[in-house]
Amino acid sequence: MIVIGVATVIGAVLVGRSLQPPLSTWNASTVALLGATVLVGAILYLLPTVNEVPDGFSPILLWEFGSPRSALRRSPGPRWACCSAT
């Protein structure tokens, strides 16, 4: 999915630049962004779903692992970004 996303961004930039002369920069960027969004949405729809949680996995353990408190412990970068923005 990462390769598809990077290829879509590169394609959107190329399409936006090629549409810039007939359209304005704003309209070309909007068309390229909408096209990339539709393309990624279609690819996500076509890809198979993945269920990474086995049948016997404890939902309580999953809840504790995904709690906001543990997410804050694992994400120092966004916290520093919020602190530096103020």
C-alpha atoms as a PDB file:
ATOM      1  CA  MET A   1       0.000   0.000   0.000  1.00  0.00           C
ATOM      2  CA  ILE A   2       2.921   2.346   0.633  1.00  0.00           C
ATOM      3  CA  VAL A   3       4.211   1.821  -2.910  1.00  0.00           C
ATOM      4  CA  ILE A   4       0.729   2.507  -4.282  1.00  0.00           C
ATOM      5  CA  GLY A   5       0.487   5.690  -2.206  1.00  0.00           C
ATOM      6  CA  VAL A   6       3.884   6.996  -3.299  1.00  0.00           C
ATOM      7  CA  ALA A   7       3.136   6.175  -6.951  1.00  0.00           C
ATOM      8  CA  THR A   8      -0.218   7.944  -6.651  1.00  0.00           C
ATOM      9  CA  VAL A   9       1.388  11.082  -5.210  1.00  0.00           C
ATOM     10  CA  ILE A  10       3.998  11.138  -7.969  1.00  0.00           C
ATOM     11  CA  GLY A  11       1.264  10.617 -10.560  1.00  0.00           C
ATOM     12  CA  ALA A  12      -0.846  13.399  -9.032  1.00  0.00           C
ATOM     13  CA  VAL A  13       2.081  15.824  -9.190  1.00  0.00           C
ATOM     14  CA  LEU A  14       2.749  14.946 -12.834  1.00  0.00           C
ATOM     15  CA  VAL A  15      -0.931  15.254 -13.764  1.00  0.00           C
ATOM     16  CA  GLY A  16      -1.205  18.547 -11.890  1.00  0.00           C
ATOM     17  CA  ARG A  17       1.799  19.982 -13.692  1.00  0.00           C
ATOM     18  CA  SER A  18       0.544  18.822 -17.081  1.00  0.00           C
ATOM     19  CA  LEU A  19      -2.873  20.367 -16.447  1.00  0.00           C
ATOM     20  CA  GLN A  20      -1.426  23.660 -15.241  1.00  0.00           C
ATOM     21  CA  PRO A  21      -1.198  25.437 -18.648  1.00  0.00           C
ATOM     22  CA  PRO A  22      -4.820  24.872 -19.752  1.00  0.00           C
ATOM     23  CA  LEU A  23      -6.220  25.278 -16.235  1.00  0.00           C
ATOM     24  CA  SER A  24      -4.944  27.539 -13.511  1.00  0.00           C
ATOM     25  CA  THR A  25      -2.594  26.190 -10.865  1.00  0.00           C
ATOM     26  CA  TRP A  26      -5.376  25.965  -8.285  1.00  0.00           C
ATOM     27  CA  ASN A  27      -7.763  24.079 -10.575  1.00  0.00           C
ATOM     28  CA  ALA A  28      -5.041  21.717 -11.809  1.00  0.00           C
ATOM     29  CA  SER A  29      -4.033  20.910  -8.238  1.00  0.00           C
ATOM     30  CA  THR A  30      -7.666  20.307  -7.273  1.00  0.00           C
ATOM     31  CA  VAL A  31      -8.267  17.968 -10.214  1.00  0.00           C
ATOM     32  CA  ALA A  32      -5.061  16.050  -9.492  1.00  0.00           C
ATOM     33  CA  LEU A  33      -5.939  15.728  -5.795  1.00  0.00           C
ATOM     34  CA  LEU A  34      -9.455  14.507  -6.534  1.00  0.00           C
ATOM     35  CA  GLY A  35      -8.131  12.007  -9.060  1.00  0.00           C
ATOM     36  CA  ALA A  36      -5.577  10.677  -6.567  1.00  0.00           C
ATOM     37  CA  THR A  37      -8.250  10.394  -3.886  1.00  0.00           C
ATOM     38  CA  VAL A  38     -10.578   8.452  -6.171  1.00  0.00           C
ATOM     39  CA  LEU A  39      -7.723   6.185  -7.277  1.00  0.00           C
ATOM     40  CA  VAL A  40      -6.632   5.365  -3.716  1.00  0.00           C
ATOM     41  CA  GLY A  41     -10.259   4.795  -2.689  1.00  0.00           C
ATOM     42  CA  ALA A  42     -10.794   2.383  -5.581  1.00  0.00           C
ATOM     43  CA  ILE A  43      -7.588   0.510  -4.757  1.00  0.00           C
ATOM     44  CA  LEU A  44      -8.586   0.241  -1.090  1.00  0.00           C
ATOM     45  CA  TYR A  45     -11.969  -1.096  -2.159  1.00  0.00           C
ATOM     46  CA  LEU A  46     -10.378  -3.716  -4.414  1.00  0.00           C
ATOM     47  CA  LEU A  47      -7.710  -4.910  -1.969  1.00  0.00           C
ATOM     48  CA  PRO A  48      -8.667  -7.774   0.339  1.00  0.00           C
ATOM     49  CA  THR A  49      -9.371  -7.023   3.978  1.00  0.00           C
ATOM     50  CA  VAL A  50      -6.906  -8.291   6.546  1.00  0.00           C
ATOM     51  CA  ASN A  51      -8.006  -9.446   9.989  1.00  0.00           C
ATOM     52  CA  GLU A  52      -4.833  -9.585  12.038  1.00  0.00           C
ATOM     53  CA  VAL A  53      -6.577 -10.475  15.301  1.00  0.00           C
ATOM     54  CA  PRO A  54      -6.972 -14.239  15.753  1.00  0.00           C
ATOM     55  CA  ASP A  55     -10.247 -15.732  16.981  1.00  0.00           C
ATOM     56  CA  GLY A  56      -9.011 -16.604  20.477  1.00  0.00           C
ATOM     57  CA  PHE A  57      -7.401 -13.222  21.184  1.00  0.00           C
ATOM     58  CA  SER A  58      -8.557 -11.471  24.356  1.00  0.00           C
ATOM     59  CA  PRO A  59     -10.525  -8.289  23.604  1.00  0.00           C
ATOM     60  CA  ILE A  60      -9.536  -6.853  26.994  1.00  0.00           C
ATOM     61  CA  LEU A  61      -5.862  -7.141  26.105  1.00  0.00           C
ATOM     62  CA  LEU A  62      -6.561  -5.498  22.763  1.00  0.00           C
ATOM     63  CA  TRP A  63      -8.425  -2.664  24.512  1.00  0.00           C
ATOM     64  CA  GLU A  64      -5.612  -2.091  27.003  1.00  0.00           C
ATOM     65  CA  PHE A  65      -3.000  -2.108  24.250  1.00  0.00           C
ATOM     66  CA  GLY A  66      -4.926   0.472  22.232  1.00  0.00           C
ATOM     67  CA  SER A  67      -5.852   2.751  25.115  1.00  0.00           C
ATOM     68  CA  PRO A  68      -5.144   6.463  24.779  1.00  0.00           C
ATOM     69  CA  ARG A  69      -2.735   6.300  27.730  1.00  0.00           C
ATOM     70  CA  SER A  70      -0.518   3.767  25.976  1.00  0.00           C
ATOM     71  CA  ALA A  71      -0.784   5.726  22.730  1.00  0.00           C
ATOM     72  CA  LEU A  72       0.569   8.804  24.481  1.00  0.00           C
ATOM     73  CA  ARG A  73       3.500   6.791  25.802  1.00  0.00           C
ATOM     74  CA  ARG A  74       4.346   5.615  22.288  1.00  0.00           C
ATOM     75  CA  SER A  75       4.113   8.966  20.525  1.00  0.00           C
ATOM     76  CA  PRO A  76       6.651  11.524  21.744  1.00  0.00           C
ATOM     77  CA  GLY A  77       6.986  13.148  18.308  1.00  0.00           C
ATOM     78  CA  PRO A  78       3.430  14.515  18.020  1.00  0.00           C
ATOM     79  CA  ARG A  79       3.541  15.678  21.617  1.00  0.00           C
ATOM     80  CA  TRP A  80       6.722  17.655  20.997  1.00  0.00           C
ATOM     81  CA  ALA A  81       5.157  19.082  17.842  1.00  0.00           C
ATOM     82  CA  CYS A  82       2.120  20.248  19.805  1.00  0.00           C
ATOM     83  CA  CYS A  83       4.320  21.791  22.484  1.00  0.00           C
ATOM     84  CA  SER A  84       6.464  23.643  19.968  1.00  0.00           C
ATOM     85  CA  ALA A  85       3.408  24.971  18.102  1.00  0.00           C
ATOM     86  CA  THR A  86       2.136  26.853  21.156  1.00  0.00           C
END
